[in-house]
Amino acid sequence: MKFAVRKPLVRPKVAPVSHRCPQCRELALMLQRRHVSPARMGEPLVTEYYECDSCDAQYKYSPAGNRWQAVGSG
């Protein structure tokens, strides 16, 4: 008797990237997710979302413009 064995889905691991939090100055900003716009919309734009492990601040980063922006504070 043969059984099909399902393999677990393997997702690419995101390497931990740390940056210094502008609010608490700790080296604790950790990458939460990365979004790439669809190719059908022209040149792909990348947006990375970070959260501080120390003070729970959230930021988004645009590597194309080297720009940081606070997220959701109010």
PDB file of N, CA and C in Angstrom:
ATOM      1  N   MET A   1       0.830  -1.165   0.000  1.00  0.00           N
ATOM      2  CA  MET A   1       0.000   0.000   0.000  1.00  0.00           C
ATOM      3  C   MET A   1       0.890   1.248   0.000  1.00  0.00           C
ATOM      4  N   LYS A   2       0.596   2.179  -0.902  1.00  0.00           N
ATOM      5  CA  LYS A   2       1.395   3.391  -1.005  1.00  0.00           C
ATOM      6  C   LYS A   2       0.605   4.590  -0.499  1.00  0.00           C
ATOM      7  N   PHE A   3       1.299   5.451   0.216  1.00  0.00           N
ATOM      8  CA  PHE A   3       0.689   6.681   0.714  1.00  0.00           C
ATOM      9  C   PHE A   3       1.488   7.870   0.197  1.00  0.00           C
ATOM     10  N   ALA A   4       0.778   8.898  -0.161  1.00  0.00           N
ATOM     11  CA  ALA A   4       1.454  10.128  -0.589  1.00  0.00           C
ATOM     12  C   ALA A   4       1.835  10.919   0.659  1.00  0.00           C
ATOM     13  N   VAL A   5       3.078  11.292   0.725  1.00  0.00           N
ATOM     14  CA  VAL A   5       3.561  12.062   1.859  1.00  0.00           C
ATOM     15  C   VAL A   5       3.689  13.514   1.408  1.00  0.00           C
ATOM     16  N   ARG A   6       2.967  14.386   2.078  1.00  0.00           N
ATOM     17  CA  ARG A   6       3.020  15.798   1.727  1.00  0.00           C
ATOM     18  C   ARG A   6       4.196  16.463   2.426  1.00  0.00           C
ATOM     19  N   LYS A   7       4.935  17.197   1.658  1.00  0.00           N
ATOM     20  CA  LYS A   7       6.060  17.934   2.224  1.00  0.00           C
ATOM     21  C   LYS A   7       5.566  19.301   2.678  1.00  0.00           C
ATOM     22  N   PRO A   8       6.086  19.800   3.776  1.00  0.00           N
ATOM     23  CA  PRO A   8       5.667  21.129   4.235  1.00  0.00           C
ATOM     24  C   PRO A   8       6.150  22.200   3.249  1.00  0.00           C
ATOM     25  N   LEU A   9       5.378  23.266   3.148  1.00  0.00           N
ATOM     26  CA  LEU A   9       5.770  24.367   2.269  1.00  0.00           C
ATOM     27  C   LEU A   9       6.999  25.056   2.844  1.00  0.00           C
ATOM     28  N   VAL A  10       7.952  25.292   2.001  1.00  0.00           N
ATOM     29  CA  VAL A  10       9.179  25.944   2.438  1.00  0.00           C
ATOM     30  C   VAL A  10       9.130  27.389   1.955  1.00  0.00           C
ATOM     31  N   ARG A  11       9.123  28.314   2.901  1.00  0.00           N
ATOM     32  CA  ARG A  11       9.111  29.732   2.559  1.00  0.00           C
ATOM     33  C   ARG A  11      10.523  30.272   2.695  1.00  0.00           C
ATOM     34  N   PRO A  12      10.889  31.194   1.816  1.00  0.00           N
ATOM     35  CA  PRO A  12      12.225  31.775   1.950  1.00  0.00           C
ATOM     36  C   PRO A  12      12.339  32.553   3.254  1.00  0.00           C
ATOM     37  N   LYS A  13      13.433  32.351   3.945  1.00  0.00           N
ATOM     38  CA  LYS A  13      13.629  33.032   5.216  1.00  0.00           C
ATOM     39  C   LYS A  13      14.203  34.419   4.973  1.00  0.00           C
ATOM     40  N   VAL A  14      13.665  35.383   5.691  1.00  0.00           N
ATOM     41  CA  VAL A  14      14.160  36.744   5.597  1.00  0.00           C
ATOM     42  C   VAL A  14      15.240  36.908   6.648  1.00  0.00           C
ATOM     43  N   ALA A  15      16.397  37.317   6.201  1.00  0.00           N
ATOM     44  CA  ALA A  15      17.502  37.510   7.140  1.00  0.00           C
ATOM     45  C   ALA A  15      17.178  38.682   8.061  1.00  0.00           C
ATOM     46  N   PRO A  16      17.431  38.541   9.351  1.00  0.00           N
ATOM     47  CA  PRO A  16      17.151  39.638  10.266  1.00  0.00           C
ATOM     48  C   PRO A  16      18.040  40.842   9.962  1.00  0.00           C
ATOM     49  N   VAL A  17      17.402  41.972   9.782  1.00  0.00           N
ATOM     50  CA  VAL A  17      18.124  43.206   9.511  1.00  0.00           C
ATOM     51  C   VAL A  17      17.801  44.155  10.651  1.00  0.00           C
ATOM     52  N   SER A  18      18.806  44.702  11.283  1.00  0.00           N
ATOM     53  CA  SER A  18      18.577  45.625  12.389  1.00  0.00           C
ATOM     54  C   SER A  18      19.026  47.025  12.013  1.00  0.00           C
ATOM     55  N   HIS A  19      18.233  47.967  12.445  1.00  0.00           N
ATOM     56  CA  HIS A  19      18.548  49.379  12.276  1.00  0.00           C
ATOM     57  C   HIS A  19      18.293  50.063  13.610  1.00  0.00           C
ATOM     58  N   ARG A  20      18.837  51.258  13.782  1.00  0.00           N
ATOM     59  CA  ARG A  20      18.663  52.009  15.018  1.00  0.00           C
ATOM     60  C   ARG A  20      17.318  52.736  14.994  1.00  0.00           C
ATOM     61  N   CYS A  21      16.532  52.584  16.050  1.00  0.00           N
ATOM     62  CA  CYS A  21      15.225  53.227  16.168  1.00  0.00           C
ATOM     63  C   CYS A  21      15.419  54.719  16.454  1.00  0.00           C
ATOM     64  N   PRO A  22      14.778  55.604  15.674  1.00  0.00           N
ATOM     65  CA  PRO A  22      14.936  57.034  15.928  1.00  0.00           C
ATOM     66  C   PRO A  22      14.255  57.490  17.220  1.00  0.00           C
ATOM     67  N   GLN A  23      13.317  56.703  17.741  1.00  0.00           N
ATOM     68  CA  GLN A  23      12.595  57.098  18.940  1.00  0.00           C
ATOM     69  C   GLN A  23      13.362  56.765  20.217  1.00  0.00           C
ATOM     70  N   CYS A  24      13.830  55.521  20.335  1.00  0.00           N
ATOM     71  CA  CYS A  24      14.505  55.117  21.575  1.00  0.00           C
ATOM     72  C   CYS A  24      16.009  54.939  21.409  1.00  0.00           C
ATOM     73  N   ARG A  25      16.515  55.076  20.172  1.00  0.00           N
ATOM     74  CA  ARG A  25      17.946  54.998  19.836  1.00  0.00           C
ATOM     75  C   ARG A  25      18.573  53.625  20.072  1.00  0.00           C
ATOM     76  N   GLU A  26      17.733  52.605  20.238  1.00  0.00           N
ATOM     77  CA  GLU A  26      18.241  51.240  20.388  1.00  0.00           C
ATOM     78  C   GLU A  26      18.420  50.614  19.009  1.00  0.00           C
ATOM     79  N   LEU A  27      19.332  49.686  18.899  1.00  0.00           N
ATOM     80  CA  LEU A  27      19.550  48.951  17.652  1.00  0.00           C
ATOM     81  C   LEU A  27      18.540  47.797  17.630  1.00  0.00           C
ATOM     82  N   ALA A  28      17.239  48.150  17.471  1.00  0.00           N
ATOM     83  CA  ALA A  28      16.188  47.156  17.668  1.00  0.00           C
ATOM     84  C   ALA A  28      15.116  47.157  16.583  1.00  0.00           C
ATOM     85  N   LEU A  29      15.303  47.883  15.489  1.00  0.00           N
ATOM     86  CA  LEU A  29      14.307  47.833  14.414  1.00  0.00           C
ATOM     87  C   LEU A  29      14.479  46.534  13.644  1.00  0.00           C
ATOM     88  N   MET A  30      13.421  45.740  13.601  1.00  0.00           N
ATOM     89  CA  MET A  30      13.464  44.442  12.929  1.00  0.00           C
ATOM     90  C   MET A  30      12.479  44.444  11.766  1.00  0.00           C
ATOM     91  N   LEU A  31      12.917  43.889  10.645  1.00  0.00           N
ATOM     92  CA  LEU A  31      12.084  43.803   9.456  1.00  0.00           C
ATOM     93  C   LEU A  31      10.902  42.878   9.717  1.00  0.00           C
ATOM     94  N   GLN A  32       9.676  43.382   9.521  1.00  0.00           N
ATOM     95  CA  GLN A  32       8.468  42.589   9.706  1.00  0.00           C
ATOM     96  C   GLN A  32       7.986  41.998   8.396  1.00  0.00           C
ATOM     97  N   ARG A  33       7.939  42.832   7.360  1.00  0.00           N
ATOM     98  CA  ARG A  33       7.535  42.338   6.038  1.00  0.00           C
ATOM     99  C   ARG A  33       8.083  43.253   4.967  1.00  0.00           C
ATOM    100  N   ARG A  34       8.086  42.751   3.751  1.00  0.00           N
ATOM    101  CA  ARG A  34       8.604  43.490   2.609  1.00  0.00           C
ATOM    102  C   ARG A  34       7.577  43.399   1.489  1.00  0.00           C
ATOM    103  N   HIS A  35       7.221  44.534   0.918  1.00  0.00           N
ATOM    104  CA  HIS A  35       6.225  44.560  -0.148  1.00  0.00           C
ATOM    105  C   HIS A  35       6.871  45.065  -1.432  1.00  0.00           C
ATOM    106  N   VAL A  36       6.642  44.354  -2.540  1.00  0.00           N
ATOM    107  CA  VAL A  36       7.124  44.761  -3.854  1.00  0.00           C
ATOM    108  C   VAL A  36       5.906  44.944  -4.737  1.00  0.00           C
ATOM    109  N   SER A  37       5.791  46.115  -5.355  1.00  0.00           N
ATOM    110  CA  SER A  37       4.627  46.377  -6.208  1.00  0.00           C
ATOM    111  C   SER A  37       4.665  45.472  -7.439  1.00  0.00           C
ATOM    112  N   PRO A  38       3.493  45.154  -8.001  1.00  0.00           N
ATOM    113  CA  PRO A  38       3.431  44.275  -9.171  1.00  0.00           C
ATOM    114  C   PRO A  38       4.139  44.888 -10.385  1.00  0.00           C
ATOM    115  N   ALA A  39       4.711  44.041 -11.216  1.00  0.00           N
ATOM    116  CA  ALA A  39       5.445  44.496 -12.402  1.00  0.00           C
ATOM    117  C   ALA A  39       4.532  45.194 -13.401  1.00  0.00           C
ATOM    118  N   ARG A  40       3.262  44.845 -13.402  1.00  0.00           N
ATOM    119  CA  ARG A  40       2.341  45.464 -14.361  1.00  0.00           C
ATOM    120  C   ARG A  40       2.126  46.953 -14.087  1.00  0.00           C
ATOM    121  N   MET A  41       2.540  47.431 -12.926  1.00  0.00           N
ATOM    122  CA  MET A  41       2.383  48.843 -12.571  1.00  0.00           C
ATOM    123  C   MET A  41       3.628  49.654 -12.913  1.00  0.00           C
ATOM    124  N   GLY A  42       4.507  49.099 -13.715  1.00  0.00           N
ATOM    125  CA  GLY A  42       5.734  49.800 -14.085  1.00  0.00           C
ATOM    126  C   GLY A  42       6.914  49.266 -13.293  1.00  0.00           C
ATOM    127  N   GLU A  43       7.855  50.144 -13.034  1.00  0.00           N
ATOM    128  CA  GLU A  43       9.040  49.746 -12.284  1.00  0.00           C
ATOM    129  C   GLU A  43       8.637  49.333 -10.867  1.00  0.00           C
ATOM    130  N   PRO A  44       9.078  48.149 -10.420  1.00  0.00           N
ATOM    131  CA  PRO A  44       8.677  47.678  -9.086  1.00  0.00           C
ATOM    132  C   PRO A  44       9.201  48.592  -7.975  1.00  0.00           C
ATOM    133  N   LEU A  45       8.311  48.944  -7.054  1.00  0.00           N
ATOM    134  CA  LEU A  45       8.684  49.734  -5.888  1.00  0.00           C
ATOM    135  C   LEU A  45       8.709  48.817  -4.671  1.00  0.00           C
ATOM    136  N   VAL A  46       9.732  48.964  -3.858  1.00  0.00           N
ATOM    137  CA  VAL A  46       9.890  48.134  -2.661  1.00  0.00           C
ATOM    138  C   VAL A  46       9.592  48.983  -1.433  1.00  0.00           C
ATOM    139  N   THR A  47       8.784  48.447  -0.531  1.00  0.00           N
ATOM    140  CA  THR A  47       8.526  49.088   0.756  1.00  0.00           C
ATOM    141  C   THR A  47       8.757  48.046   1.833  1.00  0.00           C
ATOM    142  N   GLU A  48       9.576  48.391   2.821  1.00  0.00           N
ATOM    143  CA  GLU A  48       9.868  47.482   3.927  1.00  0.00           C
ATOM    144  C   GLU A  48       9.243  48.043   5.192  1.00  0.00           C
ATOM    145  N   TYR A  49       8.641  47.171   5.995  1.00  0.00           N
ATOM    146  CA  TYR A  49       7.990  47.583   7.231  1.00  0.00           C
ATOM    147  C   TYR A  49       8.787  47.051   8.420  1.00  0.00           C
ATOM    148  N   TYR A  50       9.119  47.946   9.346  1.00  0.00           N
ATOM    149  CA  TYR A  50       9.939  47.616  10.511  1.00  0.00           C
ATOM    150  C   TYR A  50       9.178  47.912  11.792  1.00  0.00           C
ATOM    151  N   GLU A  51       9.522  47.159  12.853  1.00  0.00           N
ATOM    152  CA  GLU A  51       8.970  47.405  14.177  1.00  0.00           C
ATOM    153  C   GLU A  51      10.115  47.353  15.186  1.00  0.00           C
ATOM    154  N   CYS A  52      10.064  48.259  16.148  1.00  0.00           N
ATOM    155  CA  CYS A  52      11.101  48.309  17.172  1.00  0.00           C
ATOM    156  C   CYS A  52      10.781  47.297  18.271  1.00  0.00           C
ATOM    157  N   ASP A  53      11.741  46.441  18.582  1.00  0.00           N
ATOM    158  CA  ASP A  53      11.550  45.450  19.643  1.00  0.00           C
ATOM    159  C   ASP A  53      11.604  46.085  21.025  1.00  0.00           C
ATOM    160  N   SER A  54      12.161  47.282  21.121  1.00  0.00           N
ATOM    161  CA  SER A  54      12.336  47.923  22.411  1.00  0.00           C
ATOM    162  C   SER A  54      11.143  48.807  22.799  1.00  0.00           C
ATOM    163  N   CYS A  55      10.671  49.655  21.860  1.00  0.00           N
ATOM    164  CA  CYS A  55       9.617  50.606  22.221  1.00  0.00           C
ATOM    165  C   CYS A  55       8.337  50.440  21.400  1.00  0.00           C
ATOM    166  N   ASP A  56       8.236  49.434  20.560  1.00  0.00           N
ATOM    167  CA  ASP A  56       7.054  49.123  19.748  1.00  0.00           C
ATOM    168  C   ASP A  56       6.699  50.187  18.712  1.00  0.00           C
ATOM    169  N   ALA A  57       7.632  51.055  18.349  1.00  0.00           N
ATOM    170  CA  ALA A  57       7.405  52.020  17.276  1.00  0.00           C
ATOM    171  C   ALA A  57       7.422  51.273  15.944  1.00  0.00           C
ATOM    172  N   GLN A  58       6.694  51.786  14.950  1.00  0.00           N
ATOM    173  CA  GLN A  58       6.641  51.148  13.636  1.00  0.00           C
ATOM    174  C   GLN A  58       7.031  52.157  12.563  1.00  0.00           C
ATOM    175  N   TYR A  59       7.790  51.675  11.580  1.00  0.00           N
ATOM    176  CA  TYR A  59       8.263  52.528  10.496  1.00  0.00           C
ATOM    177  C   TYR A  59       8.179  51.788   9.183  1.00  0.00           C
ATOM    178  N   LYS A  60       8.040  52.567   8.092  1.00  0.00           N
ATOM    179  CA  LYS A  60       8.170  51.970   6.771  1.00  0.00           C
ATOM    180  C   LYS A  60       9.339  52.648   6.082  1.00  0.00           C
ATOM    181  N   TYR A  61      10.031  51.875   5.254  1.00  0.00           N
ATOM    182  CA  TYR A  61      11.258  52.331   4.615  1.00  0.00           C
ATOM    183  C   TYR A  61      11.169  52.090   3.121  1.00  0.00           C
ATOM    184  N   SER A  62      11.533  53.098   2.356  1.00  0.00           N
ATOM    185  CA  SER A  62      11.571  52.985   0.900  1.00  0.00           C
ATOM    186  C   SER A  62      13.032  53.017   0.465  1.00  0.00           C
ATOM    187  N   PRO A  63      13.601  51.861   0.095  1.00  0.00           N
ATOM    188  CA  PRO A  63      15.016  51.832  -0.296  1.00  0.00           C
ATOM    189  C   PRO A  63      15.327  52.677  -1.530  1.00  0.00           C
ATOM    190  N   ALA A  64      14.356  52.845  -2.438  1.00  0.00           N
ATOM    191  CA  ALA A  64      14.595  53.621  -3.655  1.00  0.00           C
ATOM    192  C   ALA A  64      14.931  55.079  -3.316  1.00  0.00           C
ATOM    193  N   GLY A  65      14.230  55.640  -2.344  1.00  0.00           N
ATOM    194  CA  GLY A  65      14.484  57.026  -1.957  1.00  0.00           C
ATOM    195  C   GLY A  65      15.243  57.155  -0.661  1.00  0.00           C
ATOM    196  N   ASN A  66      15.636  56.027  -0.053  1.00  0.00           N
ATOM    197  CA  ASN A  66      16.311  56.003   1.246  1.00  0.00           C
ATOM    198  C   ASN A  66      15.529  56.838   2.252  1.00  0.00           C
ATOM    199  N   ARG A  67      14.197  56.567   2.340  1.00  0.00           N
ATOM    200  CA  ARG A  67      13.308  57.376   3.149  1.00  0.00           C
ATOM    201  C   ARG A  67      12.594  56.548   4.217  1.00  0.00           C
ATOM    202  N   TRP A  68      12.619  57.025   5.458  1.00  0.00           N
ATOM    203  CA  TRP A  68      11.924  56.390   6.574  1.00  0.00           C
ATOM    204  C   TRP A  68      10.690  57.213   6.896  1.00  0.00           C
ATOM    205  N   GLN A  69       9.611  56.531   7.323  1.00  0.00           N
ATOM    206  CA  GLN A  69       8.381  57.222   7.710  1.00  0.00           C
ATOM    207  C   GLN A  69       7.732  56.455   8.847  1.00  0.00           C
ATOM    208  N   ALA A  70       7.283  57.199   9.869  1.00  0.00           N
ATOM    209  CA  ALA A  70       6.578  56.568  10.987  1.00  0.00           C
ATOM    210  C   ALA A  70       5.228  56.053  10.506  1.00  0.00           C
ATOM    211  N   VAL A  71       4.774  54.940  11.091  1.00  0.00           N
ATOM    212  CA  VAL A  71       3.511  54.320  10.681  1.00  0.00           C
ATOM    213  C   VAL A  71       2.559  54.252  11.871  1.00  0.00           C
ATOM    214  N   GLY A  72       1.310  54.622  11.646  1.00  0.00           N
ATOM    215  CA  GLY A  72       0.215  54.366  12.576  1.00  0.00           C
ATOM    216  C   GLY A  72       0.289  54.970  13.951  1.00  0.00           C
ATOM    217  N   SER A  73       0.871  56.110  14.133  1.00  0.00           N
ATOM    218  CA  SER A  73       0.904  56.698  15.475  1.00  0.00           C
ATOM    219  C   SER A  73      -0.190  57.754  15.600  1.00  0.00           C
ATOM    220  N   GLY A  74      -1.420  57.308  15.550  1.00  0.00           N
ATOM    221  CA  GLY A  74      -2.483  58.229  15.836  1.00  0.00           C
ATOM    222  C   GLY A  74      -3.505  58.273  14.813  1.00  0.00           C
TER     223      GLY A  74
END
